[in-house]
Amino acid sequence: MSASAFADLPAPPYYAVIFSSQRSAHDEAGYQQAATRMVELVRQQPGFLGFESTRGADGFGITVAYFDSEHAIRAWREHAEHTVARDLGHRRWYQRFEQRVAIVQRAYGGPRSARADAED
């Protein structure tokens, strides 16, 4: 997972699954392996649009996964391998987690313009 990459998303509306977590110190190698596998799998899911993820040195992280529908979110949640990894996360890898689902109605931003760079 890249800590600085922006997801390349279509125009809204679409859905965001926001996963905030505080990592525990257990089984770092197992966590990394599972995280890498989940990225591989979710990229194959119909309706998956992209994700953005970051984690601080203190173990607090936020991942936002974007989907085109609630149906796509539900299908990912019910994916057998994702279910196993999620259960391991709840029992072993996270001290605390929160998950939220939101509809993105508007989105704006983009790269900093050349003019803004010249003004600095």
PDB file of N, CA and C in Angstrom:
ATOM      1  N   MET A   1       0.838  -1.170   0.000  1.00  0.00           N
ATOM      2  CA  MET A   1       0.000   0.000   0.000  1.00  0.00           C
ATOM      3  C   MET A   1       0.882   1.232   0.000  1.00  0.00           C
ATOM      4  N   SER A   2       0.580   2.138  -0.877  1.00  0.00           N
ATOM      5  CA  SER A   2       1.321   3.381  -0.953  1.00  0.00           C
ATOM      6  C   SER A   2       0.759   4.374   0.058  1.00  0.00           C
ATOM      7  N   ALA A   3       1.628   5.051   0.775  1.00  0.00           N
ATOM      8  CA  ALA A   3       1.171   5.986   1.789  1.00  0.00           C
ATOM      9  C   ALA A   3       0.919   7.378   1.226  1.00  0.00           C
ATOM     10  N   SER A   4       1.261   7.648  -0.033  1.00  0.00           N
ATOM     11  CA  SER A   4       1.125   9.005  -0.536  1.00  0.00           C
ATOM     12  C   SER A   4       0.376   9.096  -1.858  1.00  0.00           C
ATOM     13  N   ALA A   5      -0.134   8.023  -2.372  1.00  0.00           N
ATOM     14  CA  ALA A   5      -0.789   8.039  -3.674  1.00  0.00           C
ATOM     15  C   ALA A   5      -2.258   8.432  -3.535  1.00  0.00           C
ATOM     16  N   PHE A   6      -2.707   9.300  -4.438  1.00  0.00           N
ATOM     17  CA  PHE A   6      -4.115   9.659  -4.511  1.00  0.00           C
ATOM     18  C   PHE A   6      -4.816   8.682  -5.447  1.00  0.00           C
ATOM     19  N   ALA A   7      -6.037   8.311  -5.094  1.00  0.00           N
ATOM     20  CA  ALA A   7      -6.838   7.448  -5.963  1.00  0.00           C
ATOM     21  C   ALA A   7      -7.301   8.260  -7.171  1.00  0.00           C
ATOM     22  N   ASP A   8      -7.288   7.640  -8.327  1.00  0.00           N
ATOM     23  CA  ASP A   8      -7.791   8.240  -9.556  1.00  0.00           C
ATOM     24  C   ASP A   8      -9.258   7.842  -9.677  1.00  0.00           C
ATOM     25  N   LEU A   9     -10.152   8.772  -9.372  1.00  0.00           N
ATOM     26  CA  LEU A   9     -11.571   8.445  -9.236  1.00  0.00           C
ATOM     27  C   LEU A   9     -12.424   9.130 -10.298  1.00  0.00           C
ATOM     28  N   PRO A  10     -13.583   8.550 -10.585  1.00  0.00           N
ATOM     29  CA  PRO A  10     -14.508   9.188 -11.522  1.00  0.00           C
ATOM     30  C   PRO A  10     -15.229  10.353 -10.835  1.00  0.00           C
ATOM     31  N   ALA A  11     -16.026  11.051 -11.576  1.00  0.00           N
ATOM     32  CA  ALA A  11     -16.861  12.099 -10.998  1.00  0.00           C
ATOM     33  C   ALA A  11     -17.866  11.462 -10.037  1.00  0.00           C
ATOM     34  N   PRO A  12     -18.185  12.148  -8.930  1.00  0.00           N
ATOM     35  CA  PRO A  12     -19.201  11.635  -8.012  1.00  0.00           C
ATOM     36  C   PRO A  12     -20.563  11.560  -8.696  1.00  0.00           C
ATOM     37  N   PRO A  13     -21.477  10.819  -8.101  1.00  0.00           N
ATOM     38  CA  PRO A  13     -21.405  10.213  -6.781  1.00  0.00           C
ATOM     39  C   PRO A  13     -20.757   8.826  -6.808  1.00  0.00           C
ATOM     40  N   TYR A  14     -20.164   8.474  -5.669  1.00  0.00           N
ATOM     41  CA  TYR A  14     -19.638   7.145  -5.414  1.00  0.00           C
ATOM     42  C   TYR A  14     -19.552   6.978  -3.905  1.00  0.00           C
ATOM     43  N   TYR A  15     -19.141   5.824  -3.450  1.00  0.00           N
ATOM     44  CA  TYR A  15     -19.120   5.513  -2.025  1.00  0.00           C
ATOM     45  C   TYR A  15     -17.689   5.446  -1.499  1.00  0.00           C
ATOM     46  N   ALA A  16     -17.539   5.838  -0.238  1.00  0.00           N
ATOM     47  CA  ALA A  16     -16.249   5.744   0.443  1.00  0.00           C
ATOM     48  C   ALA A  16     -16.423   4.896   1.700  1.00  0.00           C
ATOM     49  N   VAL A  17     -15.580   3.887   1.841  1.00  0.00           N
ATOM     50  CA  VAL A  17     -15.523   3.092   3.065  1.00  0.00           C
ATOM     51  C   VAL A  17     -14.276   3.567   3.803  1.00  0.00           C
ATOM     52  N   ILE A  18     -14.486   4.173   4.957  1.00  0.00           N
ATOM     53  CA  ILE A  18     -13.408   4.791   5.721  1.00  0.00           C
ATOM     54  C   ILE A  18     -13.086   3.869   6.891  1.00  0.00           C
ATOM     55  N   PHE A  19     -11.875   3.349   6.899  1.00  0.00           N
ATOM     56  CA  PHE A  19     -11.442   2.412   7.932  1.00  0.00           C
ATOM     57  C   PHE A  19     -10.309   3.062   8.720  1.00  0.00           C
ATOM     58  N   SER A  20     -10.589   3.397   9.973  1.00  0.00           N
ATOM     59  CA  SER A  20      -9.590   3.960  10.879  1.00  0.00           C
ATOM     60  C   SER A  20      -9.198   2.875  11.868  1.00  0.00           C
ATOM     61  N   SER A  21      -7.906   2.770  12.150  1.00  0.00           N
ATOM     62  CA  SER A  21      -7.473   1.707  13.056  1.00  0.00           C
ATOM     63  C   SER A  21      -6.229   2.094  13.830  1.00  0.00           C
ATOM     64  N   GLN A  22      -6.128   1.503  15.004  1.00  0.00           N
ATOM     65  CA  GLN A  22      -4.918   1.596  15.818  1.00  0.00           C
ATOM     66  C   GLN A  22      -4.304   0.209  15.857  1.00  0.00           C
ATOM     67  N   ARG A  23      -3.128   0.081  15.263  1.00  0.00           N
ATOM     68  CA  ARG A  23      -2.460  -1.223  15.199  1.00  0.00           C
ATOM     69  C   ARG A  23      -1.938  -1.639  16.558  1.00  0.00           C
ATOM     70  N   SER A  24      -1.934  -2.943  16.778  1.00  0.00           N
ATOM     71  CA  SER A  24      -1.247  -3.522  17.930  1.00  0.00           C
ATOM     72  C   SER A  24       0.137  -3.945  17.446  1.00  0.00           C
ATOM     73  N   ALA A  25       0.938  -4.447  18.338  1.00  0.00           N
ATOM     74  CA  ALA A  25       2.308  -4.834  17.982  1.00  0.00           C
ATOM     75  C   ALA A  25       2.409  -6.302  17.598  1.00  0.00           C
ATOM     76  N   HIS A  26       1.297  -6.987  17.423  1.00  0.00           N
ATOM     77  CA  HIS A  26       1.303  -8.420  17.165  1.00  0.00           C
ATOM     78  C   HIS A  26       1.479  -8.759  15.691  1.00  0.00           C
ATOM     79  N   ASP A  27       2.362  -9.680  15.393  1.00  0.00           N
ATOM     80  CA  ASP A  27       2.453 -10.351  14.090  1.00  0.00           C
ATOM     81  C   ASP A  27       2.569  -9.386  12.913  1.00  0.00           C
ATOM     82  N   GLU A  28       3.597  -8.560  12.942  1.00  0.00           N
ATOM     83  CA  GLU A  28       3.813  -7.572  11.880  1.00  0.00           C
ATOM     84  C   GLU A  28       3.942  -8.226  10.508  1.00  0.00           C
ATOM     85  N   ALA A  29       4.680  -9.318  10.423  1.00  0.00           N
ATOM     86  CA  ALA A  29       4.861  -9.990   9.131  1.00  0.00           C
ATOM     87  C   ALA A  29       3.532 -10.511   8.601  1.00  0.00           C
ATOM     88  N   GLY A  30       2.736 -11.103   9.457  1.00  0.00           N
ATOM     89  CA  GLY A  30       1.430 -11.606   9.047  1.00  0.00           C
ATOM     90  C   GLY A  30       0.510 -10.488   8.596  1.00  0.00           C
ATOM     91  N   TYR A  31       0.578  -9.359   9.287  1.00  0.00           N
ATOM     92  CA  TYR A  31      -0.238  -8.208   8.914  1.00  0.00           C
ATOM     93  C   TYR A  31       0.135  -7.703   7.522  1.00  0.00           C
ATOM     94  N   GLN A  32       1.421  -7.518   7.281  1.00  0.00           N
ATOM     95  CA  GLN A  32       1.870  -7.005   5.979  1.00  0.00           C
ATOM     96  C   GLN A  32       1.481  -7.949   4.843  1.00  0.00           C
ATOM     97  N   GLN A  33       1.625  -9.227   5.083  1.00  0.00           N
ATOM     98  CA  GLN A  33       1.256 -10.219   4.072  1.00  0.00           C
ATOM     99  C   GLN A  33      -0.242 -10.139   3.775  1.00  0.00           C
ATOM    100  N   ALA A  34      -1.058 -10.062   4.819  1.00  0.00           N
ATOM    101  CA  ALA A  34      -2.508  -9.978   4.628  1.00  0.00           C
ATOM    102  C   ALA A  34      -2.893  -8.673   3.945  1.00  0.00           C
ATOM    103  N   ALA A  35      -2.272  -7.565   4.330  1.00  0.00           N
ATOM    104  CA  ALA A  35      -2.585  -6.263   3.726  1.00  0.00           C
ATOM    105  C   ALA A  35      -2.269  -6.275   2.234  1.00  0.00           C
ATOM    106  N   THR A  36      -1.129  -6.826   1.879  1.00  0.00           N
ATOM    107  CA  THR A  36      -0.746  -6.919   0.465  1.00  0.00           C
ATOM    108  C   THR A  36      -1.750  -7.770  -0.306  1.00  0.00           C
ATOM    109  N   ARG A  37      -2.155  -8.867   0.272  1.00  0.00           N
ATOM    110  CA  ARG A  37      -3.125  -9.756  -0.380  1.00  0.00           C
ATOM    111  C   ARG A  37      -4.483  -9.073  -0.536  1.00  0.00           C
ATOM    112  N   MET A  38      -4.918  -8.316   0.474  1.00  0.00           N
ATOM    113  CA  MET A  38      -6.206  -7.639   0.383  1.00  0.00           C
ATOM    114  C   MET A  38      -6.200  -6.598  -0.738  1.00  0.00           C
ATOM    115  N   VAL A  39      -5.084  -5.898  -0.908  1.00  0.00           N
ATOM    116  CA  VAL A  39      -4.973  -4.933  -2.008  1.00  0.00           C
ATOM    117  C   VAL A  39      -5.095  -5.658  -3.348  1.00  0.00           C
ATOM    118  N   GLU A  40      -4.415  -6.776  -3.492  1.00  0.00           N
ATOM    119  CA  GLU A  40      -4.518  -7.566  -4.728  1.00  0.00           C
ATOM    120  C   GLU A  40      -5.967  -7.967  -4.996  1.00  0.00           C
ATOM    121  N   LEU A  41      -6.642  -8.450  -3.962  1.00  0.00           N
ATOM    122  CA  LEU A  41      -8.015  -8.939  -4.127  1.00  0.00           C
ATOM    123  C   LEU A  41      -9.012  -7.823  -4.411  1.00  0.00           C
ATOM    124  N   VAL A  42      -8.937  -6.744  -3.648  1.00  0.00           N
ATOM    125  CA  VAL A  42      -9.935  -5.687  -3.824  1.00  0.00           C
ATOM    126  C   VAL A  42      -9.821  -5.050  -5.201  1.00  0.00           C
ATOM    127  N   ARG A  43      -8.626  -4.986  -5.738  1.00  0.00           N
ATOM    128  CA  ARG A  43      -8.454  -4.429  -7.085  1.00  0.00           C
ATOM    129  C   ARG A  43      -9.165  -5.266  -8.147  1.00  0.00           C
ATOM    130  N   GLN A  44      -9.455  -6.520  -7.848  1.00  0.00           N
ATOM    131  CA  GLN A  44     -10.158  -7.408  -8.782  1.00  0.00           C
ATOM    132  C   GLN A  44     -11.682  -7.354  -8.609  1.00  0.00           C
ATOM    133  N   GLN A  45     -12.141  -6.677  -7.573  1.00  0.00           N
ATOM    134  CA  GLN A  45     -13.572  -6.665  -7.268  1.00  0.00           C
ATOM    135  C   GLN A  45     -14.343  -5.748  -8.201  1.00  0.00           C
ATOM    136  N   PRO A  46     -15.415  -6.242  -8.802  1.00  0.00           N
ATOM    137  CA  PRO A  46     -16.276  -5.368  -9.602  1.00  0.00           C
ATOM    138  C   PRO A  46     -16.787  -4.215  -8.736  1.00  0.00           C
ATOM    139  N   GLY A  47     -16.723  -3.010  -9.263  1.00  0.00           N
ATOM    140  CA  GLY A  47     -17.209  -1.842  -8.543  1.00  0.00           C
ATOM    141  C   GLY A  47     -16.169  -1.138  -7.692  1.00  0.00           C
ATOM    142  N   PHE A  48     -14.989  -1.726  -7.526  1.00  0.00           N
ATOM    143  CA  PHE A  48     -13.918  -1.071  -6.772  1.00  0.00           C
ATOM    144  C   PHE A  48     -13.315   0.027  -7.638  1.00  0.00           C
ATOM    145  N   LEU A  49     -13.144   1.219  -7.065  1.00  0.00           N
ATOM    146  CA  LEU A  49     -12.647   2.369  -7.815  1.00  0.00           C
ATOM    147  C   LEU A  49     -11.216   2.765  -7.463  1.00  0.00           C
ATOM    148  N   GLY A  50     -10.783   2.482  -6.239  1.00  0.00           N
ATOM    149  CA  GLY A  50      -9.440   2.864  -5.806  1.00  0.00           C
ATOM    150  C   GLY A  50      -9.394   3.016  -4.296  1.00  0.00           C
ATOM    151  N   PHE A  51      -8.212   3.351  -3.775  1.00  0.00           N
ATOM    152  CA  PHE A  51      -8.082   3.550  -2.334  1.00  0.00           C
ATOM    153  C   PHE A  51      -6.946   4.515  -2.044  1.00  0.00           C
ATOM    154  N   GLU A  52      -6.985   5.067  -0.843  1.00  0.00           N
ATOM    155  CA  GLU A  52      -5.916   5.903  -0.305  1.00  0.00           C
ATOM    156  C   GLU A  52      -5.674   5.432   1.115  1.00  0.00           C
ATOM    157  N   SER A  53      -4.405   5.355   1.509  1.00  0.00           N
ATOM    158  CA  SER A  53      -4.094   4.789   2.816  1.00  0.00           C
ATOM    159  C   SER A  53      -2.849   5.420   3.395  1.00  0.00           C
ATOM    160  N   THR A  54      -2.870   5.611   4.706  1.00  0.00           N
ATOM    161  CA  THR A  54      -1.694   6.121   5.401  1.00  0.00           C
ATOM    162  C   THR A  54      -1.686   5.579   6.824  1.00  0.00           C
ATOM    163  N   ARG A  55      -0.486   5.447   7.393  1.00  0.00           N
ATOM    164  CA  ARG A  55      -0.349   4.999   8.777  1.00  0.00           C
ATOM    165  C   ARG A  55       0.797   5.754   9.413  1.00  0.00           C
ATOM    166  N   GLY A  56       0.565   6.283  10.603  1.00  0.00           N
ATOM    167  CA  GLY A  56       1.584   7.018  11.334  1.00  0.00           C
ATOM    168  C   GLY A  56       2.516   6.102  12.098  1.00  0.00           C
ATOM    169  N   ALA A  57       3.595   6.676  12.584  1.00  0.00           N
ATOM    170  CA  ALA A  57       4.581   5.920  13.365  1.00  0.00           C
ATOM    171  C   ALA A  57       3.976   5.356  14.646  1.00  0.00           C
ATOM    172  N   ASP A  58       2.907   5.984  15.142  1.00  0.00           N
ATOM    173  CA  ASP A  58       2.245   5.505  16.355  1.00  0.00           C
ATOM    174  C   ASP A  58       1.281   4.352  16.099  1.00  0.00           C
ATOM    175  N   GLY A  59       1.149   3.932  14.829  1.00  0.00           N
ATOM    176  CA  GLY A  59       0.287   2.808  14.487  1.00  0.00           C
ATOM    177  C   GLY A  59      -1.123   3.185  14.105  1.00  0.00           C
ATOM    178  N   PHE A  60      -1.471   4.482  14.195  1.00  0.00           N
ATOM    179  CA  PHE A  60      -2.808   4.910  13.787  1.00  0.00           C
ATOM    180  C   PHE A  60      -2.838   5.062  12.276  1.00  0.00           C
ATOM    181  N   GLY A  61      -3.860   4.469  11.642  1.00  0.00           N
ATOM    182  CA  GLY A  61      -3.965   4.546  10.187  1.00  0.00           C
ATOM    183  C   GLY A  61      -5.374   4.771   9.714  1.00  0.00           C
ATOM    184  N   ILE A  62      -5.457   5.293   8.512  1.00  0.00           N
ATOM    185  CA  ILE A  62      -6.745   5.484   7.849  1.00  0.00           C
ATOM    186  C   ILE A  62      -6.614   4.987   6.414  1.00  0.00           C
ATOM    187  N   THR A  63      -7.547   4.150   6.016  1.00  0.00           N
ATOM    188  CA  THR A  63      -7.652   3.710   4.630  1.00  0.00           C
ATOM    189  C   THR A  63      -9.048   4.065   4.155  1.00  0.00           C
ATOM    190  N   VAL A  64      -9.122   4.691   3.003  1.00  0.00           N
ATOM    191  CA  VAL A  64     -10.403   4.996   2.386  1.00  0.00           C
ATOM    192  C   VAL A  64     -10.459   4.216   1.080  1.00  0.00           C
ATOM    193  N   ALA A  65     -11.420   3.323   0.986  1.00  0.00           N
ATOM    194  CA  ALA A  65     -11.634   2.541  -0.235  1.00  0.00           C
ATOM    195  C   ALA A  65     -12.893   3.071  -0.907  1.00  0.00           C
ATOM    196  N   TYR A  66     -12.817   3.235  -2.219  1.00  0.00           N
ATOM    197  CA  TYR A  66     -13.916   3.814  -2.983  1.00  0.00           C
ATOM    198  C   TYR A  66     -14.566   2.750  -3.853  1.00  0.00           C
ATOM    199  N   PHE A  67     -15.907   2.773  -3.868  1.00  0.00           N
ATOM    200  CA  PHE A  67     -16.688   1.814  -4.629  1.00  0.00           C
ATOM    201  C   PHE A  67     -17.804   2.533  -5.371  1.00  0.00           C
ATOM    202  N   ASP A  68     -18.301   1.908  -6.434  1.00  0.00           N
ATOM    203  CA  ASP A  68     -19.353   2.551  -7.219  1.00  0.00           C
ATOM    204  C   ASP A  68     -20.756   2.303  -6.693  1.00  0.00           C
ATOM    205  N   SER A  69     -20.909   1.397  -5.723  1.00  0.00           N
ATOM    206  CA  SER A  69     -22.251   1.089  -5.221  1.00  0.00           C
ATOM    207  C   SER A  69     -22.184   0.404  -3.867  1.00  0.00           C
ATOM    208  N   GLU A  70     -23.319   0.409  -3.184  1.00  0.00           N
ATOM    209  CA  GLU A  70     -23.412  -0.352  -1.934  1.00  0.00           C
ATOM    210  C   GLU A  70     -23.327  -1.844  -2.212  1.00  0.00           C
ATOM    211  N   HIS A  71     -23.838  -2.257  -3.355  1.00  0.00           N
ATOM    212  CA  HIS A  71     -23.740  -3.672  -3.745  1.00  0.00           C
ATOM    213  C   HIS A  71     -22.268  -4.100  -3.820  1.00  0.00           C
ATOM    214  N   ALA A  72     -21.419  -3.281  -4.408  1.00  0.00           N
ATOM    215  CA  ALA A  72     -19.988  -3.601  -4.516  1.00  0.00           C
ATOM    216  C   ALA A  72     -19.336  -3.660  -3.138  1.00  0.00           C
ATOM    217  N   ILE A  73     -19.726  -2.759  -2.251  1.00  0.00           N
ATOM    218  CA  ILE A  73     -19.199  -2.771  -0.876  1.00  0.00           C
ATOM    219  C   ILE A  73     -19.589  -4.066  -0.178  1.00  0.00           C
ATOM    220  N   ARG A  74     -20.850  -4.430  -0.313  1.00  0.00           N
ATOM    221  CA  ARG A  74     -21.355  -5.658   0.327  1.00  0.00           C
ATOM    222  C   ARG A  74     -20.636  -6.895  -0.219  1.00  0.00           C
ATOM    223  N   ALA A  75     -20.425  -6.926  -1.529  1.00  0.00           N
ATOM    224  CA  ALA A  75     -19.726  -8.066  -2.134  1.00  0.00           C
ATOM    225  C   ALA A  75     -18.303  -8.178  -1.597  1.00  0.00           C
ATOM    226  N   TRP A  76     -17.623  -7.043  -1.429  1.00  0.00           N
ATOM    227  CA  TRP A  76     -16.266  -7.061  -0.873  1.00  0.00           C
ATOM    228  C   TRP A  76     -16.300  -7.520   0.584  1.00  0.00           C
ATOM    229  N   ARG A  77     -17.253  -7.031   1.340  1.00  0.00           N
ATOM    230  CA  ARG A  77     -17.369  -7.419   2.749  1.00  0.00           C
ATOM    231  C   ARG A  77     -17.598  -8.920   2.881  1.00  0.00           C
ATOM    232  N   GLU A  78     -18.323  -9.507   1.945  1.00  0.00           N
ATOM    233  CA  GLU A  78     -18.656 -10.931   2.011  1.00  0.00           C
ATOM    234  C   GLU A  78     -17.630 -11.830   1.322  1.00  0.00           C
ATOM    235  N   HIS A  79     -16.618 -11.260   0.707  1.00  0.00           N
ATOM    236  CA  HIS A  79     -15.568 -12.054   0.050  1.00  0.00           C
ATOM    237  C   HIS A  79     -14.909 -12.941   1.108  1.00  0.00           C
ATOM    238  N   ALA A  80     -14.808 -14.229   0.838  1.00  0.00           N
ATOM    239  CA  ALA A  80     -14.354 -15.196   1.843  1.00  0.00           C
ATOM    240  C   ALA A  80     -12.969 -14.877   2.398  1.00  0.00           C
ATOM    241  N   GLU A  81     -12.023 -14.586   1.552  1.00  0.00           N
ATOM    242  CA  GLU A  81     -10.657 -14.318   2.027  1.00  0.00           C
ATOM    243  C   GLU A  81     -10.590 -12.999   2.801  1.00  0.00           C
ATOM    244  N   HIS A  82     -11.373 -12.017   2.375  1.00  0.00           N
ATOM    245  CA  HIS A  82     -11.432 -10.742   3.096  1.00  0.00           C
ATOM    246  C   HIS A  82     -12.050 -10.953   4.481  1.00  0.00           C
ATOM    247  N   THR A  83     -13.057 -11.805   4.569  1.00  0.00           N
ATOM    248  CA  THR A  83     -13.696 -12.093   5.856  1.00  0.00           C
ATOM    249  C   THR A  83     -12.699 -12.689   6.844  1.00  0.00           C
ATOM    250  N   VAL A  84     -11.862 -13.616   6.392  1.00  0.00           N
ATOM    251  CA  VAL A  84     -10.842 -14.229   7.255  1.00  0.00           C
ATOM    252  C   VAL A  84      -9.846 -13.167   7.726  1.00  0.00           C
ATOM    253  N   ALA A  85      -9.364 -12.339   6.797  1.00  0.00           N
ATOM    254  CA  ALA A  85      -8.390 -11.298   7.151  1.00  0.00           C
ATOM    255  C   ALA A  85      -9.004 -10.282   8.106  1.00  0.00           C
ATOM    256  N   ARG A  86     -10.233  -9.902   7.859  1.00  0.00           N
ATOM    257  CA  ARG A  86     -10.917  -8.942   8.737  1.00  0.00           C
ATOM    258  C   ARG A  86     -11.045  -9.493  10.151  1.00  0.00           C
ATOM    259  N   ASP A  87     -11.420 -10.756  10.272  1.00  0.00           N
ATOM    260  CA  ASP A  87     -11.542 -11.380  11.591  1.00  0.00           C
ATOM    261  C   ASP A  87     -10.195 -11.438  12.310  1.00  0.00           C
ATOM    262  N   LEU A  88      -9.132 -11.759  11.583  1.00  0.00           N
ATOM    263  CA  LEU A  88      -7.788 -11.747  12.181  1.00  0.00           C
ATOM    264  C   LEU A  88      -7.423 -10.349  12.654  1.00  0.00           C
ATOM    265  N   GLY A  89      -7.744  -9.355  11.845  1.00  0.00           N
ATOM    266  CA  GLY A  89      -7.468  -7.973  12.224  1.00  0.00           C
ATOM    267  C   GLY A  89      -8.159  -7.598  13.517  1.00  0.00           C
ATOM    268  N   HIS A  90      -9.414  -7.944  13.631  1.00  0.00           N
ATOM    269  CA  HIS A  90     -10.176  -7.614  14.830  1.00  0.00           C
ATOM    270  C   HIS A  90      -9.607  -8.309  16.069  1.00  0.00           C
ATOM    271  N   ARG A  91      -9.144  -9.538  15.903  1.00  0.00           N
ATOM    272  CA  ARG A  91      -8.636 -10.306  17.043  1.00  0.00           C
ATOM    273  C   ARG A  91      -7.172 -10.043  17.354  1.00  0.00           C
ATOM    274  N   ARG A  92      -6.345  -9.753  16.335  1.00  0.00           N
ATOM    275  CA  ARG A  92      -4.905  -9.764  16.519  1.00  0.00           C
ATOM    276  C   ARG A  92      -4.219  -8.438  16.181  1.00  0.00           C
ATOM    277  N   TRP A  93      -4.573  -7.809  15.077  1.00  0.00           N
ATOM    278  CA  TRP A  93      -3.767  -6.714  14.551  1.00  0.00           C
ATOM    279  C   TRP A  93      -4.207  -5.321  14.976  1.00  0.00           C
ATOM    280  N   TYR A  94      -5.445  -5.184  15.475  1.00  0.00           N
ATOM    281  CA  TYR A  94      -5.940  -3.858  15.825  1.00  0.00           C
ATOM    282  C   TYR A  94      -6.335  -3.778  17.290  1.00  0.00           C
ATOM    283  N   GLN A  95      -5.882  -2.722  17.957  1.00  0.00           N
ATOM    284  CA  GLN A  95      -6.344  -2.437  19.308  1.00  0.00           C
ATOM    285  C   GLN A  95      -7.748  -1.845  19.266  1.00  0.00           C
ATOM    286  N   ARG A  96      -7.976  -1.067  18.222  1.00  0.00           N
ATOM    287  CA  ARG A  96      -9.286  -0.448  18.012  1.00  0.00           C
ATOM    288  C   ARG A  96      -9.445  -0.163  16.520  1.00  0.00           C
ATOM    289  N   PHE A  97     -10.685  -0.195  16.070  1.00  0.00           N
ATOM    290  CA  PHE A  97     -10.952   0.184  14.686  1.00  0.00           C
ATOM    291  C   PHE A  97     -12.345   0.792  14.603  1.00  0.00           C
ATOM    292  N   GLU A  98     -12.543   1.594  13.607  1.00  0.00           N
ATOM    293  CA  GLU A  98     -13.843   2.179  13.280  1.00  0.00           C
ATOM    294  C   GLU A  98     -14.000   2.086  11.772  1.00  0.00           C
ATOM    295  N   GLN A  99     -15.197   1.770  11.335  1.00  0.00           N
ATOM    296  CA  GLN A  99     -15.478   1.733   9.903  1.00  0.00           C
ATOM    297  C   GLN A  99     -16.720   2.563   9.636  1.00  0.00           C
ATOM    298  N   ARG A 100     -16.624   3.385   8.603  1.00  0.00           N
ATOM    299  CA  ARG A 100     -17.737   4.251   8.233  1.00  0.00           C
ATOM    300  C   ARG A 100     -17.943   4.159   6.723  1.00  0.00           C
ATOM    301  N   VAL A 101     -19.186   4.249   6.298  1.00  0.00           N
ATOM    302  CA  VAL A 101     -19.504   4.244   4.876  1.00  0.00           C
ATOM    303  C   VAL A 101     -20.206   5.559   4.558  1.00  0.00           C
ATOM    304  N   ALA A 102     -19.735   6.224   3.508  1.00  0.00           N
ATOM    305  CA  ALA A 102     -20.289   7.523   3.141  1.00  0.00           C
ATOM    306  C   ALA A 102     -20.510   7.587   1.635  1.00  0.00           C
ATOM    307  N   ILE A 103     -21.444   8.428   1.240  1.00  0.00           N
ATOM    308  CA  ILE A 103     -21.651   8.728  -0.174  1.00  0.00           C
ATOM    309  C   ILE A 103     -20.901  10.023  -0.471  1.00  0.00           C
ATOM    310  N   VAL A 104     -20.050   9.990  -1.476  1.00  0.00           N
ATOM    311  CA  VAL A 104     -19.336  11.190  -1.907  1.00  0.00           C
ATOM    312  C   VAL A 104     -20.230  11.897  -2.912  1.00  0.00           C
ATOM    313  N   GLN A 105     -20.696  13.074  -2.538  1.00  0.00           N
ATOM    314  CA  GLN A 105     -21.585  13.867  -3.393  1.00  0.00           C
ATOM    315  C   GLN A 105     -20.804  14.817  -4.295  1.00  0.00           C
ATOM    316  N   ARG A 106     -19.727  15.380  -3.745  1.00  0.00           N
ATOM    317  CA  ARG A 106     -18.885  16.320  -4.479  1.00  0.00           C
ATOM    318  C   ARG A 106     -17.434  16.001  -4.189  1.00  0.00           C
ATOM    319  N   ALA A 107     -16.586  16.281  -5.142  1.00  0.00           N
ATOM    320  CA  ALA A 107     -15.143  16.110  -4.952  1.00  0.00           C
ATOM    321  C   ALA A 107     -14.439  17.162  -5.799  1.00  0.00           C
ATOM    322  N   TYR A 108     -13.462  17.801  -5.234  1.00  0.00           N
ATOM    323  CA  TYR A 108     -12.708  18.793  -5.983  1.00  0.00           C
ATOM    324  C   TYR A 108     -11.293  18.847  -5.439  1.00  0.00           C
ATOM    325  N   GLY A 109     -10.403  19.380  -6.212  1.00  0.00           N
ATOM    326  CA  GLY A 109      -8.993  19.455  -5.853  1.00  0.00           C
ATOM    327  C   GLY A 109      -8.174  19.184  -7.086  1.00  0.00           C
ATOM    328  N   GLY A 110      -6.990  18.730  -6.898  1.00  0.00           N
ATOM    329  CA  GLY A 110      -6.112  18.431  -8.008  1.00  0.00           C
ATOM    330  C   GLY A 110      -4.705  18.900  -7.690  1.00  0.00           C
ATOM    331  N   PRO A 111      -3.825  18.720  -8.641  1.00  0.00           N
ATOM    332  CA  PRO A 111      -2.435  19.115  -8.407  1.00  0.00           C
ATOM    333  C   PRO A 111      -2.314  20.619  -8.257  1.00  0.00           C
ATOM    334  N   ARG A 112      -1.333  21.016  -7.536  1.00  0.00           N
ATOM    335  CA  ARG A 112      -1.044  22.436  -7.347  1.00  0.00           C
ATOM    336  C   ARG A 112      -0.689  23.038  -8.701  1.00  0.00           C
ATOM    337  N   SER A 113      -1.200  24.193  -8.993  1.00  0.00           N
ATOM    338  CA  SER A 113      -0.986  24.799 -10.317  1.00  0.00           C
ATOM    339  C   SER A 113       0.416  25.410 -10.422  1.00  0.00           C
ATOM    340  N   ALA A 114       0.890  25.591 -11.645  1.00  0.00           N
ATOM    341  CA  ALA A 114       2.179  26.226 -11.897  1.00  0.00           C
ATOM    342  C   ALA A 114       2.160  27.651 -11.371  1.00  0.00           C
ATOM    343  N   ARG A 115       1.030  28.334 -11.482  1.00  0.00           N
ATOM    344  CA  ARG A 115       0.920  29.713 -10.980  1.00  0.00           C
ATOM    345  C   ARG A 115       1.138  29.762  -9.473  1.00  0.00           C
ATOM    346  N   ALA A 116       0.515  28.819  -8.732  1.00  0.00           N
ATOM    347  CA  ALA A 116       0.687  28.782  -7.285  1.00  0.00           C
ATOM    348  C   ALA A 116       2.146  28.539  -6.934  1.00  0.00           C
ATOM    349  N   ASP A 117       2.838  27.689  -7.684  1.00  0.00           N
ATOM    350  CA  ASP A 117       4.263  27.444  -7.444  1.00  0.00           C
ATOM    351  C   ASP A 117       5.064  28.721  -7.651  1.00  0.00           C
ATOM    352  N   ALA A 118       4.722  29.492  -8.677  1.00  0.00           N
ATOM    353  CA  ALA A 118       5.452  30.732  -8.991  1.00  0.00           C
ATOM    354  C   ALA A 118       5.246  31.794  -7.939  1.00  0.00           C
ATOM    355  N   GLU A 119       4.071  31.767  -7.246  1.00  0.00           N
ATOM    356  CA  GLU A 119       3.769  32.766  -6.220  1.00  0.00           C
ATOM    357  C   GLU A 119       4.491  32.497  -4.918  1.00  0.00           C
ATOM    358  N   ASP A 120       4.973  31.292  -4.699  1.00  0.00           N
ATOM    359  CA  ASP A 120       5.635  30.955  -3.421  1.00  0.00           C
ATOM    360  C   ASP A 120       6.992  31.535  -3.296  1.00  0.00           C
TER     361      ASP A 120
END
